[in-house]
Amino acid sequence: QQRPAEVAASQALERRVLANPDIDIYECGRQDIRAGIIDRRVLATLEFLAASGMKPTVTSLRCGHGYLTASGNVSHHSSGDAMDIAAIDGTPIVGHQGEGSITDLAVRKLLTLQGTMKPAQIITLMEYAGTDNTYAMGDHDDHIHVGFQPQHAVVDQQRRVEHAEHVSRERLHLRHARVARELVHQSLERVHLGDDRL
């Protein structure tokens, strides 16, 4: 659940992206943004590319994209966490891939995004050594797919980590309590033995 300040910030970001003349978005995708169903990381990435002089043309957000990918997995598009970019600064992705191409330059710019802004998927015809989020797929000859891990999955992972830490603390506490009980028991035994000798 977003706090009021976060909602206001998201809405301001949506308005900026929709009003930015350097970001070209198909009409159905603009409706997705107006409806507030596109993740802020997707929108911020569009602003980042535009500010870097790479004017993106977006041809797929959630609207118009299938629920499943070609391989049968649930698409990040379906949750508003992905976009397809078909052109950069008016140059189409199709026919412009490979080292030194406009696609290559855009991917390398996207790879500078780190932390919470790091995409989980950057899919083109190219894969980049030393990266864990670039994938080469033959059906991505005409666009750059940029996808982020859905926020609920990120929250679930955080909860799993917190639960594991909680369990670890509880086990440590129980271990300490057991040791303390054993020390008390030993002390009582020594006192008892001492009484027997009197």
N, C-alpha and C. Protein backbone atom coordinates (compact mmCIF):
# COMPACT_ATOMS: atom_id res chain seq x y z
N GLN A 1 0.84 -1.19 0.00
CA GLN A 1 0.00 0.00 0.00
C GLN A 1 0.89 1.25 0.00
N GLN A 2 0.72 2.09 -1.04
CA GLN A 2 1.53 3.30 -1.13
C GLN A 2 1.03 4.37 -0.17
N ARG A 3 1.97 5.09 0.41
CA ARG A 3 1.61 6.22 1.25
C ARG A 3 1.19 7.40 0.37
N PRO A 4 0.43 8.37 0.91
CA PRO A 4 -0.04 9.51 0.11
C PRO A 4 1.09 10.23 -0.64
N ALA A 5 2.24 10.39 0.02
CA ALA A 5 3.37 11.08 -0.63
C ALA A 5 3.87 10.28 -1.82
N GLU A 6 3.88 8.94 -1.68
CA GLU A 6 4.34 8.08 -2.78
C GLU A 6 3.35 8.13 -3.94
N VAL A 7 2.06 8.16 -3.62
CA VAL A 7 1.03 8.25 -4.66
C VAL A 7 1.19 9.55 -5.43
N ALA A 8 1.40 10.65 -4.71
CA ALA A 8 1.56 11.96 -5.35
C ALA A 8 2.80 11.96 -6.24
N ALA A 9 3.89 11.35 -5.76
CA ALA A 9 5.13 11.30 -6.55
C ALA A 9 4.93 10.46 -7.81
N SER A 10 4.20 9.35 -7.68
CA SER A 10 3.93 8.49 -8.84
C SER A 10 3.09 9.23 -9.87
N GLN A 11 2.09 9.93 -9.41
CA GLN A 11 1.22 10.67 -10.33
C GLN A 11 1.99 11.79 -11.03
N ALA A 12 2.88 12.44 -10.31
CA ALA A 12 3.70 13.50 -10.92
C ALA A 12 4.61 12.90 -11.99
N LEU A 13 5.19 11.73 -11.72
CA LEU A 13 6.05 11.05 -12.68
C LEU A 13 5.25 10.65 -13.92
N GLU A 14 4.06 10.15 -13.72
CA GLU A 14 3.19 9.78 -14.84
C GLU A 14 2.91 10.99 -15.73
N ARG A 15 2.60 12.12 -15.12
CA ARG A 15 2.30 13.33 -15.89
C ARG A 15 3.53 13.79 -16.67
N ARG A 16 4.70 13.72 -16.05
CA ARG A 16 5.93 14.15 -16.72
C ARG A 16 6.23 13.28 -17.94
N VAL A 17 6.08 11.98 -17.78
CA VAL A 17 6.35 11.07 -18.89
C VAL A 17 5.38 11.32 -20.04
N LEU A 18 4.10 11.48 -19.71
CA LEU A 18 3.08 11.70 -20.74
C LEU A 18 3.29 13.03 -21.47
N ALA A 19 3.85 14.00 -20.76
CA ALA A 19 4.04 15.33 -21.36
C ALA A 19 5.40 15.49 -22.02
N ASN A 20 6.28 14.51 -21.86
CA ASN A 20 7.64 14.64 -22.38
C ASN A 20 7.66 14.43 -23.90
N PRO A 21 8.05 15.45 -24.67
CA PRO A 21 8.05 15.32 -26.13
C PRO A 21 9.12 14.36 -26.65
N ASP A 22 10.08 13.99 -25.79
CA ASP A 22 11.15 13.08 -26.20
C ASP A 22 10.82 11.61 -25.90
N ILE A 23 9.59 11.36 -25.43
CA ILE A 23 9.15 9.99 -25.16
C ILE A 23 7.88 9.73 -25.98
N ASP A 24 7.97 8.82 -26.93
CA ASP A 24 6.85 8.50 -27.82
C ASP A 24 6.21 7.20 -27.35
N ILE A 25 4.94 7.27 -26.96
CA ILE A 25 4.24 6.10 -26.43
C ILE A 25 2.93 5.91 -27.19
N TYR A 26 2.67 4.68 -27.60
CA TYR A 26 1.42 4.38 -28.31
C TYR A 26 0.22 4.71 -27.42
N GLU A 27 -0.91 5.01 -28.04
CA GLU A 27 -2.06 5.56 -27.31
C GLU A 27 -2.56 4.61 -26.22
N CYS A 28 -2.65 3.33 -26.53
CA CYS A 28 -3.15 2.38 -25.53
C CYS A 28 -2.22 2.33 -24.32
N GLY A 29 -0.91 2.47 -24.57
CA GLY A 29 0.06 2.51 -23.49
C GLY A 29 -0.08 3.77 -22.66
N ARG A 30 -0.42 4.86 -23.30
CA ARG A 30 -0.65 6.11 -22.56
C ARG A 30 -1.83 5.95 -21.62
N GLN A 31 -2.82 5.19 -22.05
CA GLN A 31 -3.97 4.92 -21.18
C GLN A 31 -3.55 4.09 -19.97
N ASP A 32 -2.64 3.13 -20.19
CA ASP A 32 -2.09 2.36 -19.07
C ASP A 32 -1.47 3.28 -18.03
N ILE A 33 -0.69 4.24 -18.52
CA ILE A 33 -0.01 5.17 -17.61
C ILE A 33 -1.02 6.03 -16.87
N ARG A 34 -1.99 6.55 -17.60
CA ARG A 34 -3.03 7.38 -16.96
C ARG A 34 -3.79 6.59 -15.89
N ALA A 35 -3.95 5.29 -16.12
CA ALA A 35 -4.68 4.44 -15.18
C ALA A 35 -3.84 4.08 -13.95
N GLY A 36 -2.55 4.44 -13.97
CA GLY A 36 -1.68 4.19 -12.83
C GLY A 36 -1.25 2.74 -12.67
N ILE A 37 -1.25 1.97 -13.77
CA ILE A 37 -0.92 0.55 -13.67
C ILE A 37 0.49 0.22 -14.17
N ILE A 38 1.27 1.25 -14.52
CA ILE A 38 2.65 1.02 -14.97
C ILE A 38 3.61 1.37 -13.83
N ASP A 39 4.50 0.44 -13.55
CA ASP A 39 5.44 0.60 -12.44
C ASP A 39 6.30 1.86 -12.61
N ARG A 40 6.58 2.49 -11.48
CA ARG A 40 7.38 3.73 -11.49
C ARG A 40 8.76 3.52 -12.08
N ARG A 41 9.33 2.31 -11.91
CA ARG A 41 10.67 2.05 -12.44
C ARG A 41 10.67 2.10 -13.97
N VAL A 42 9.59 1.62 -14.58
CA VAL A 42 9.47 1.69 -16.04
C VAL A 42 9.43 3.15 -16.49
N LEU A 43 8.61 3.94 -15.81
CA LEU A 43 8.47 5.35 -16.18
C LEU A 43 9.76 6.12 -15.94
N ALA A 44 10.41 5.85 -14.81
CA ALA A 44 11.67 6.54 -14.49
C ALA A 44 12.75 6.18 -15.51
N THR A 45 12.73 4.93 -16.00
CA THR A 45 13.70 4.51 -17.00
C THR A 45 13.47 5.25 -18.31
N LEU A 46 12.23 5.47 -18.67
CA LEU A 46 11.92 6.25 -19.87
C LEU A 46 12.46 7.67 -19.74
N GLU A 47 12.24 8.27 -18.58
CA GLU A 47 12.76 9.62 -18.33
C GLU A 47 14.29 9.62 -18.41
N PHE A 48 14.91 8.60 -17.86
CA PHE A 48 16.36 8.49 -17.86
C PHE A 48 16.90 8.42 -19.29
N LEU A 49 16.29 7.60 -20.12
CA LEU A 49 16.74 7.49 -21.51
C LEU A 49 16.55 8.82 -22.25
N ALA A 50 15.41 9.45 -22.05
CA ALA A 50 15.13 10.72 -22.72
C ALA A 50 16.14 11.79 -22.29
N ALA A 51 16.43 11.82 -20.98
CA ALA A 51 17.39 12.80 -20.46
C ALA A 51 18.80 12.54 -20.96
N SER A 52 19.05 11.27 -21.37
CA SER A 52 20.37 10.89 -21.88
C SER A 52 20.49 11.14 -23.38
N GLY A 53 19.46 11.72 -23.98
CA GLY A 53 19.48 12.01 -25.41
C GLY A 53 19.02 10.85 -26.27
N MET A 54 18.51 9.79 -25.62
CA MET A 54 18.02 8.62 -26.36
C MET A 54 16.49 8.62 -26.32
N LYS A 55 15.89 9.26 -27.29
CA LYS A 55 14.44 9.41 -27.29
C LYS A 55 13.77 8.07 -27.60
N PRO A 56 13.15 7.45 -26.59
CA PRO A 56 12.58 6.11 -26.79
C PRO A 56 11.19 6.15 -27.43
N THR A 57 10.93 5.18 -28.29
CA THR A 57 9.59 4.95 -28.84
C THR A 57 9.08 3.65 -28.25
N VAL A 58 8.03 3.74 -27.45
CA VAL A 58 7.49 2.58 -26.74
C VAL A 58 6.30 2.01 -27.50
N THR A 59 6.36 0.72 -27.81
CA THR A 59 5.28 0.08 -28.56
C THR A 59 4.53 -0.96 -27.75
N SER A 60 4.99 -1.23 -26.51
CA SER A 60 4.26 -2.18 -25.67
C SER A 60 4.53 -1.91 -24.20
N LEU A 61 3.43 -1.70 -23.46
CA LEU A 61 3.48 -1.66 -21.99
C LEU A 61 2.64 -2.86 -21.53
N ARG A 62 1.50 -2.61 -20.88
CA ARG A 62 0.63 -3.74 -20.55
C ARG A 62 -0.40 -3.96 -21.65
N CYS A 63 -1.02 -2.85 -22.06
CA CYS A 63 -2.08 -2.92 -23.08
C CYS A 63 -1.55 -3.51 -24.38
N GLY A 64 -2.25 -4.50 -24.90
CA GLY A 64 -1.88 -5.08 -26.18
C GLY A 64 -0.87 -6.20 -26.10
N HIS A 65 -0.36 -6.47 -24.90
CA HIS A 65 0.62 -7.55 -24.76
C HIS A 65 -0.05 -8.75 -24.10
N GLY A 66 0.30 -9.94 -24.50
CA GLY A 66 -0.27 -11.15 -23.94
C GLY A 66 0.13 -11.37 -22.50
N TYR A 67 -0.65 -12.19 -21.80
CA TYR A 67 -0.35 -12.51 -20.40
C TYR A 67 0.89 -13.38 -20.29
N LEU A 68 1.07 -14.25 -21.29
CA LEU A 68 2.21 -15.16 -21.29
C LEU A 68 3.23 -14.75 -22.34
N THR A 69 4.48 -15.12 -22.11
CA THR A 69 5.54 -14.92 -23.10
C THR A 69 5.47 -16.05 -24.12
N ALA A 70 6.29 -15.95 -25.16
CA ALA A 70 6.33 -17.00 -26.18
C ALA A 70 6.77 -18.33 -25.59
N SER A 71 7.55 -18.29 -24.51
CA SER A 71 8.03 -19.52 -23.88
C SER A 71 7.07 -20.06 -22.83
N GLY A 72 5.94 -19.35 -22.63
CA GLY A 72 4.92 -19.84 -21.71
C GLY A 72 4.99 -19.31 -20.30
N ASN A 73 5.94 -18.41 -20.03
CA ASN A 73 6.05 -17.81 -18.70
C ASN A 73 5.14 -16.59 -18.59
N VAL A 74 4.79 -16.23 -17.36
CA VAL A 74 3.99 -15.03 -17.15
C VAL A 74 4.84 -13.81 -17.49
N SER A 75 4.32 -12.98 -18.37
CA SER A 75 5.07 -11.81 -18.84
C SER A 75 5.08 -10.71 -17.79
N HIS A 76 6.21 -10.03 -17.67
CA HIS A 76 6.27 -8.87 -16.78
C HIS A 76 5.41 -7.72 -17.31
N HIS A 77 5.05 -7.79 -18.58
CA HIS A 77 4.13 -6.78 -19.13
C HIS A 77 2.77 -6.86 -18.43
N SER A 78 2.35 -8.08 -18.09
CA SER A 78 1.01 -8.28 -17.55
C SER A 78 0.80 -7.58 -16.20
N SER A 79 1.89 -7.32 -15.49
CA SER A 79 1.80 -6.64 -14.20
C SER A 79 2.23 -5.17 -14.29
N GLY A 80 2.47 -4.70 -15.52
CA GLY A 80 2.87 -3.30 -15.68
C GLY A 80 4.33 -3.05 -15.36
N ASP A 81 5.15 -4.12 -15.37
CA ASP A 81 6.55 -4.01 -14.96
C ASP A 81 7.54 -4.10 -16.12
N ALA A 82 7.05 -3.94 -17.36
CA ALA A 82 7.94 -4.09 -18.51
C ALA A 82 7.49 -3.19 -19.65
N MET A 83 8.43 -2.96 -20.57
CA MET A 83 8.12 -2.19 -21.78
C MET A 83 8.95 -2.70 -22.93
N ASP A 84 8.45 -2.46 -24.13
CA ASP A 84 9.20 -2.75 -25.35
C ASP A 84 9.50 -1.43 -26.05
N ILE A 85 10.76 -1.24 -26.41
CA ILE A 85 11.20 -0.02 -27.10
C ILE A 85 11.54 -0.41 -28.54
N ALA A 86 10.82 0.18 -29.51
CA ALA A 86 11.00 -0.19 -30.92
C ALA A 86 11.93 0.75 -31.67
N ALA A 87 12.25 1.89 -31.06
CA ALA A 87 13.15 2.84 -31.73
C ALA A 87 13.81 3.73 -30.69
N ILE A 88 15.00 4.19 -31.03
CA ILE A 88 15.73 5.14 -30.20
C ILE A 88 16.08 6.34 -31.07
N ASP A 89 15.58 7.50 -30.65
CA ASP A 89 15.85 8.74 -31.40
C ASP A 89 15.46 8.60 -32.88
N GLY A 90 14.36 7.91 -33.11
CA GLY A 90 13.85 7.77 -34.46
C GLY A 90 14.48 6.64 -35.26
N THR A 91 15.52 6.01 -34.74
CA THR A 91 16.16 4.89 -35.44
C THR A 91 15.54 3.58 -34.97
N PRO A 92 14.96 2.80 -35.88
CA PRO A 92 14.32 1.55 -35.46
C PRO A 92 15.34 0.54 -34.93
N ILE A 93 14.90 -0.26 -33.98
CA ILE A 93 15.75 -1.32 -33.44
C ILE A 93 16.01 -2.38 -34.50
N VAL A 94 14.97 -2.71 -35.27
CA VAL A 94 15.11 -3.71 -36.30
C VAL A 94 16.16 -3.26 -37.32
N GLY A 95 17.11 -4.13 -37.59
CA GLY A 95 18.17 -3.79 -38.53
C GLY A 95 19.29 -2.98 -37.93
N HIS A 96 19.17 -2.65 -36.65
CA HIS A 96 20.20 -1.83 -35.99
C HIS A 96 20.59 -2.45 -34.65
N GLN A 97 21.06 -3.70 -34.70
CA GLN A 97 21.60 -4.36 -33.53
C GLN A 97 23.04 -4.75 -33.82
N GLY A 98 23.75 -5.12 -32.76
CA GLY A 98 25.16 -5.44 -32.93
C GLY A 98 26.03 -4.39 -32.28
N GLU A 99 27.31 -4.69 -32.14
CA GLU A 99 28.25 -3.80 -31.47
C GLU A 99 28.29 -2.43 -32.13
N GLY A 100 28.17 -1.39 -31.31
CA GLY A 100 28.23 -0.02 -31.81
C GLY A 100 26.93 0.52 -32.37
N SER A 101 25.89 -0.33 -32.43
CA SER A 101 24.60 0.10 -32.97
C SER A 101 23.85 0.95 -31.95
N ILE A 102 22.75 1.55 -32.38
CA ILE A 102 21.93 2.35 -31.47
C ILE A 102 21.35 1.47 -30.37
N THR A 103 21.05 0.21 -30.72
CA THR A 103 20.55 -0.73 -29.71
C THR A 103 21.62 -1.01 -28.67
N ASP A 104 22.83 -1.25 -29.12
CA ASP A 104 23.96 -1.50 -28.23
C ASP A 104 24.18 -0.32 -27.28
N LEU A 105 24.13 0.88 -27.81
CA LEU A 105 24.33 2.07 -26.98
C LEU A 105 23.22 2.19 -25.93
N ALA A 106 21.98 1.90 -26.36
CA ALA A 106 20.85 1.98 -25.42
C ALA A 106 20.98 0.93 -24.32
N VAL A 107 21.35 -0.29 -24.69
CA VAL A 107 21.50 -1.35 -23.68
C VAL A 107 22.60 -0.99 -22.69
N ARG A 108 23.71 -0.48 -23.20
CA ARG A 108 24.81 -0.11 -22.30
C ARG A 108 24.39 1.03 -21.36
N LYS A 109 23.55 1.91 -21.84
CA LYS A 109 23.02 2.97 -20.97
C LYS A 109 22.12 2.36 -19.90
N LEU A 110 21.27 1.41 -20.29
CA LEU A 110 20.39 0.74 -19.33
C LEU A 110 21.18 -0.04 -18.28
N LEU A 111 22.33 -0.56 -18.68
CA LEU A 111 23.16 -1.34 -17.75
C LEU A 111 23.79 -0.47 -16.66
N THR A 112 23.74 0.85 -16.81
CA THR A 112 24.27 1.72 -15.76
C THR A 112 23.27 1.87 -14.61
N LEU A 113 22.03 1.43 -14.83
CA LEU A 113 21.01 1.50 -13.78
C LEU A 113 21.29 0.41 -12.75
N GLN A 114 21.37 0.78 -11.49
CA GLN A 114 21.71 -0.17 -10.43
C GLN A 114 20.73 -0.05 -9.27
N GLY A 115 20.91 -0.90 -8.28
CA GLY A 115 20.04 -0.87 -7.11
C GLY A 115 18.61 -1.23 -7.48
N THR A 116 17.65 -0.50 -6.91
CA THR A 116 16.24 -0.78 -7.19
C THR A 116 15.85 -0.46 -8.62
N MET A 117 16.70 0.32 -9.31
CA MET A 117 16.41 0.69 -10.70
C MET A 117 17.02 -0.27 -11.71
N LYS A 118 17.72 -1.29 -11.24
CA LYS A 118 18.35 -2.24 -12.16
C LYS A 118 17.29 -3.15 -12.78
N PRO A 119 17.17 -3.17 -14.11
CA PRO A 119 16.19 -4.06 -14.73
C PRO A 119 16.54 -5.52 -14.48
N ALA A 120 15.51 -6.35 -14.37
CA ALA A 120 15.72 -7.78 -14.22
C ALA A 120 15.96 -8.43 -15.58
N GLN A 121 15.44 -7.78 -16.63
CA GLN A 121 15.56 -8.32 -17.99
C GLN A 121 15.83 -7.20 -18.99
N ILE A 122 16.87 -7.37 -19.78
CA ILE A 122 17.11 -6.52 -20.96
C ILE A 122 17.31 -7.50 -22.10
N ILE A 123 16.30 -7.60 -22.97
CA ILE A 123 16.32 -8.63 -24.01
C ILE A 123 16.41 -8.00 -25.39
N THR A 124 17.41 -8.42 -26.16
CA THR A 124 17.58 -8.02 -27.55
C THR A 124 18.09 -9.26 -28.30
N LEU A 125 18.85 -9.07 -29.36
CA LEU A 125 19.53 -10.18 -30.01
C LEU A 125 20.90 -10.41 -29.41
N MET A 126 21.25 -9.55 -28.42
CA MET A 126 22.61 -9.56 -27.88
C MET A 126 22.62 -9.91 -26.39
N GLU A 127 23.70 -10.56 -25.99
CA GLU A 127 23.93 -10.84 -24.58
C GLU A 127 25.28 -10.24 -24.22
N TYR A 128 25.40 -9.75 -22.99
CA TYR A 128 26.60 -9.02 -22.60
C TYR A 128 27.34 -9.77 -21.50
N ALA A 129 28.61 -10.05 -21.74
CA ALA A 129 29.44 -10.77 -20.78
C ALA A 129 29.51 -10.00 -19.47
N GLY A 130 29.48 -10.74 -18.37
CA GLY A 130 29.60 -10.11 -17.05
C GLY A 130 28.31 -9.52 -16.52
N THR A 131 27.20 -9.73 -17.24
CA THR A 131 25.90 -9.21 -16.76
C THR A 131 25.00 -10.40 -16.40
N ASP A 132 24.05 -10.14 -15.51
CA ASP A 132 23.10 -11.20 -15.13
C ASP A 132 21.67 -10.86 -15.52
N ASN A 133 21.53 -9.82 -16.36
CA ASN A 133 20.17 -9.40 -16.72
C ASN A 133 20.00 -9.13 -18.22
N THR A 134 20.99 -9.49 -19.05
CA THR A 134 20.84 -9.35 -20.49
C THR A 134 20.65 -10.72 -21.11
N TYR A 135 19.71 -10.79 -22.07
CA TYR A 135 19.39 -12.06 -22.71
C TYR A 135 19.26 -11.86 -24.21
N ALA A 136 19.77 -12.83 -24.96
CA ALA A 136 19.65 -12.80 -26.41
C ALA A 136 18.53 -13.75 -26.83
N MET A 137 17.51 -13.19 -27.49
CA MET A 137 16.40 -14.02 -27.95
C MET A 137 16.05 -13.63 -29.38
N GLY A 138 15.87 -14.65 -30.20
CA GLY A 138 15.67 -14.44 -31.64
C GLY A 138 14.43 -13.66 -32.01
N ASP A 139 13.42 -13.66 -31.13
CA ASP A 139 12.19 -12.92 -31.45
C ASP A 139 12.24 -11.47 -30.96
N HIS A 140 13.43 -11.01 -30.57
CA HIS A 140 13.59 -9.62 -30.12
C HIS A 140 14.50 -8.85 -31.09
N ASP A 141 14.27 -9.08 -32.38
CA ASP A 141 15.05 -8.39 -33.40
C ASP A 141 14.55 -6.98 -33.67
N ASP A 142 13.30 -6.70 -33.25
CA ASP A 142 12.72 -5.40 -33.58
C ASP A 142 12.41 -4.54 -32.36
N HIS A 143 12.84 -4.97 -31.18
CA HIS A 143 12.61 -4.15 -29.99
C HIS A 143 13.56 -4.53 -28.85
N ILE A 144 13.69 -3.61 -27.91
CA ILE A 144 14.41 -3.87 -26.66
C ILE A 144 13.35 -4.10 -25.59
N HIS A 145 13.37 -5.26 -24.98
CA HIS A 145 12.47 -5.52 -23.87
C HIS A 145 13.19 -5.15 -22.57
N VAL A 146 12.56 -4.32 -21.76
CA VAL A 146 13.11 -3.93 -20.46
C VAL A 146 12.08 -4.30 -19.40
N GLY A 147 12.42 -5.26 -18.55
CA GLY A 147 11.49 -5.72 -17.53
C GLY A 147 12.07 -5.66 -16.14
N PHE A 148 11.20 -5.40 -15.17
CA PHE A 148 11.60 -5.33 -13.77
C PHE A 148 10.89 -6.44 -12.98
N GLN A 149 11.55 -6.90 -11.93
CA GLN A 149 10.93 -7.89 -11.06
C GLN A 149 9.67 -7.27 -10.45
N PRO A 150 8.51 -7.91 -10.57
CA PRO A 150 7.29 -7.35 -9.97
C PRO A 150 7.49 -7.04 -8.49
N GLN A 151 6.94 -5.93 -8.05
CA GLN A 151 7.17 -5.47 -6.68
C GLN A 151 6.72 -6.47 -5.64
N HIS A 152 5.61 -7.19 -5.90
CA HIS A 152 5.15 -8.17 -4.91
C HIS A 152 6.18 -9.27 -4.71
N ALA A 153 6.91 -9.60 -5.80
CA ALA A 153 7.96 -10.62 -5.67
C ALA A 153 9.12 -10.09 -4.84
N VAL A 154 9.44 -8.79 -5.04
CA VAL A 154 10.51 -8.16 -4.26
C VAL A 154 10.13 -8.14 -2.78
N VAL A 155 8.86 -7.78 -2.50
CA VAL A 155 8.38 -7.74 -1.12
C VAL A 155 8.40 -9.14 -0.51
N ASP A 156 7.95 -10.14 -1.29
CA ASP A 156 7.97 -11.52 -0.80
C ASP A 156 9.38 -11.96 -0.45
N GLN A 157 10.35 -11.60 -1.29
CA GLN A 157 11.74 -11.96 -1.02
C GLN A 157 12.23 -11.30 0.26
N GLN A 158 11.88 -10.00 0.44
CA GLN A 158 12.27 -9.29 1.65
C GLN A 158 11.66 -9.96 2.89
N ARG A 159 10.39 -10.38 2.75
CA ARG A 159 9.71 -11.04 3.87
C ARG A 159 10.38 -12.38 4.20
N ARG A 160 10.79 -13.13 3.15
CA ARG A 160 11.46 -14.40 3.38
C ARG A 160 12.78 -14.20 4.13
N VAL A 161 13.52 -13.14 3.73
CA VAL A 161 14.79 -12.83 4.39
C VAL A 161 14.54 -12.45 5.85
N GLU A 162 13.53 -11.58 6.07
CA GLU A 162 13.21 -11.15 7.42
C GLU A 162 12.76 -12.34 8.28
N HIS A 163 11.98 -13.26 7.69
CA HIS A 163 11.52 -14.44 8.43
C HIS A 163 12.70 -15.32 8.81
N ALA A 164 13.63 -15.51 7.86
CA ALA A 164 14.81 -16.33 8.13
C ALA A 164 15.64 -15.72 9.25
N GLU A 165 15.77 -14.39 9.23
CA GLU A 165 16.54 -13.72 10.27
C GLU A 165 15.83 -13.86 11.62
N HIS A 166 14.49 -13.77 11.60
CA HIS A 166 13.72 -13.91 12.84
C HIS A 166 13.88 -15.32 13.41
N VAL A 167 13.78 -16.33 12.54
CA VAL A 167 13.95 -17.71 12.98
C VAL A 167 15.35 -17.92 13.56
N SER A 168 16.35 -17.34 12.90
CA SER A 168 17.73 -17.47 13.38
C SER A 168 17.89 -16.84 14.76
N ARG A 169 17.28 -15.66 14.96
CA ARG A 169 17.35 -15.00 16.27
C ARG A 169 16.65 -15.82 17.34
N GLU A 170 15.48 -16.40 16.97
CA GLU A 170 14.73 -17.23 17.93
C GLU A 170 15.54 -18.46 18.34
N ARG A 171 16.18 -19.09 17.37
CA ARG A 171 16.99 -20.27 17.66
C ARG A 171 18.16 -19.91 18.58
N LEU A 172 18.78 -18.76 18.31
CA LEU A 172 19.90 -18.32 19.15
C LEU A 172 19.42 -18.05 20.56
N HIS A 173 18.23 -17.41 20.67
CA HIS A 173 17.66 -17.11 21.98
C HIS A 173 17.38 -18.40 22.75
N LEU A 174 16.80 -19.39 22.06
CA LEU A 174 16.50 -20.67 22.71
C LEU A 174 17.77 -21.38 23.15
N ARG A 175 18.82 -21.28 22.30
CA ARG A 175 20.08 -21.92 22.64
C ARG A 175 20.68 -21.29 23.91
N HIS A 176 20.63 -19.93 23.94
CA HIS A 176 21.14 -19.23 25.12
C HIS A 176 20.33 -19.61 26.37
N ALA A 177 19.01 -19.70 26.20
CA ALA A 177 18.15 -20.04 27.34
C ALA A 177 18.45 -21.45 27.84
N ARG A 178 18.70 -22.39 26.91
CA ARG A 178 19.00 -23.77 27.27
C ARG A 178 20.33 -23.84 28.05
N VAL A 179 21.32 -23.08 27.54
CA VAL A 179 22.62 -23.05 28.23
C VAL A 179 22.47 -22.46 29.62
N ALA A 180 21.65 -21.41 29.73
CA ALA A 180 21.44 -20.78 31.04
C ALA A 180 20.77 -21.75 32.01
N ARG A 181 19.78 -22.51 31.50
CA ARG A 181 19.10 -23.49 32.36
C ARG A 181 20.07 -24.57 32.83
N GLU A 182 20.94 -25.01 31.91
CA GLU A 182 21.91 -26.05 32.26
C GLU A 182 22.88 -25.54 33.33
N LEU A 183 23.29 -24.28 33.21
CA LEU A 183 24.21 -23.70 34.22
C LEU A 183 23.53 -23.62 35.57
N VAL A 184 22.24 -23.22 35.56
CA VAL A 184 21.50 -23.14 36.82
C VAL A 184 21.36 -24.52 37.43
N HIS A 185 21.05 -25.50 36.58
CA HIS A 185 20.89 -26.89 37.06
C HIS A 185 22.20 -27.39 37.67
N GLN A 186 23.32 -27.12 37.00
CA GLN A 186 24.62 -27.55 37.52
C GLN A 186 24.93 -26.88 38.86
N SER A 187 24.58 -25.59 38.95
CA SER A 187 24.82 -24.85 40.20
C SER A 187 24.00 -25.45 41.33
N LEU A 188 22.74 -25.80 41.03
CA LEU A 188 21.87 -26.40 42.06
C LEU A 188 22.40 -27.76 42.48
N GLU A 189 22.93 -28.52 41.50
CA GLU A 189 23.49 -29.83 41.83
C GLU A 189 24.69 -29.69 42.76
N ARG A 190 25.53 -28.66 42.47
CA ARG A 190 26.71 -28.45 43.31
C ARG A 190 26.28 -28.06 44.74
N VAL A 191 25.25 -27.22 44.82
CA VAL A 191 24.74 -26.82 46.14
C VAL A 191 24.20 -28.03 46.87
N HIS A 192 23.45 -28.87 46.13
CA HIS A 192 22.88 -30.08 46.74
C HIS A 192 23.95 -31.02 47.25
N LEU A 193 25.00 -31.22 46.43
CA LEU A 193 26.10 -32.07 46.84
C LEU A 193 26.81 -31.50 48.05
N GLY A 194 26.94 -30.20 48.08
CA GLY A 194 27.57 -29.55 49.21
C GLY A 194 26.78 -29.76 50.48
N ASP A 195 25.44 -29.71 50.35
CA ASP A 195 24.56 -29.94 51.52
C ASP A 195 24.71 -31.35 52.03
N ASP A 196 24.88 -32.33 51.11
CA ASP A 196 25.01 -33.72 51.52
C ASP A 196 26.28 -33.96 52.35
N ARG A 197 27.30 -33.15 52.07
CA ARG A 197 28.57 -33.34 52.77
C ARG A 197 28.54 -32.75 54.17
N LEU A 198 27.53 -31.91 54.46
CA LEU A 198 27.46 -31.27 55.78
C LEU A 198 26.99 -32.26 56.85
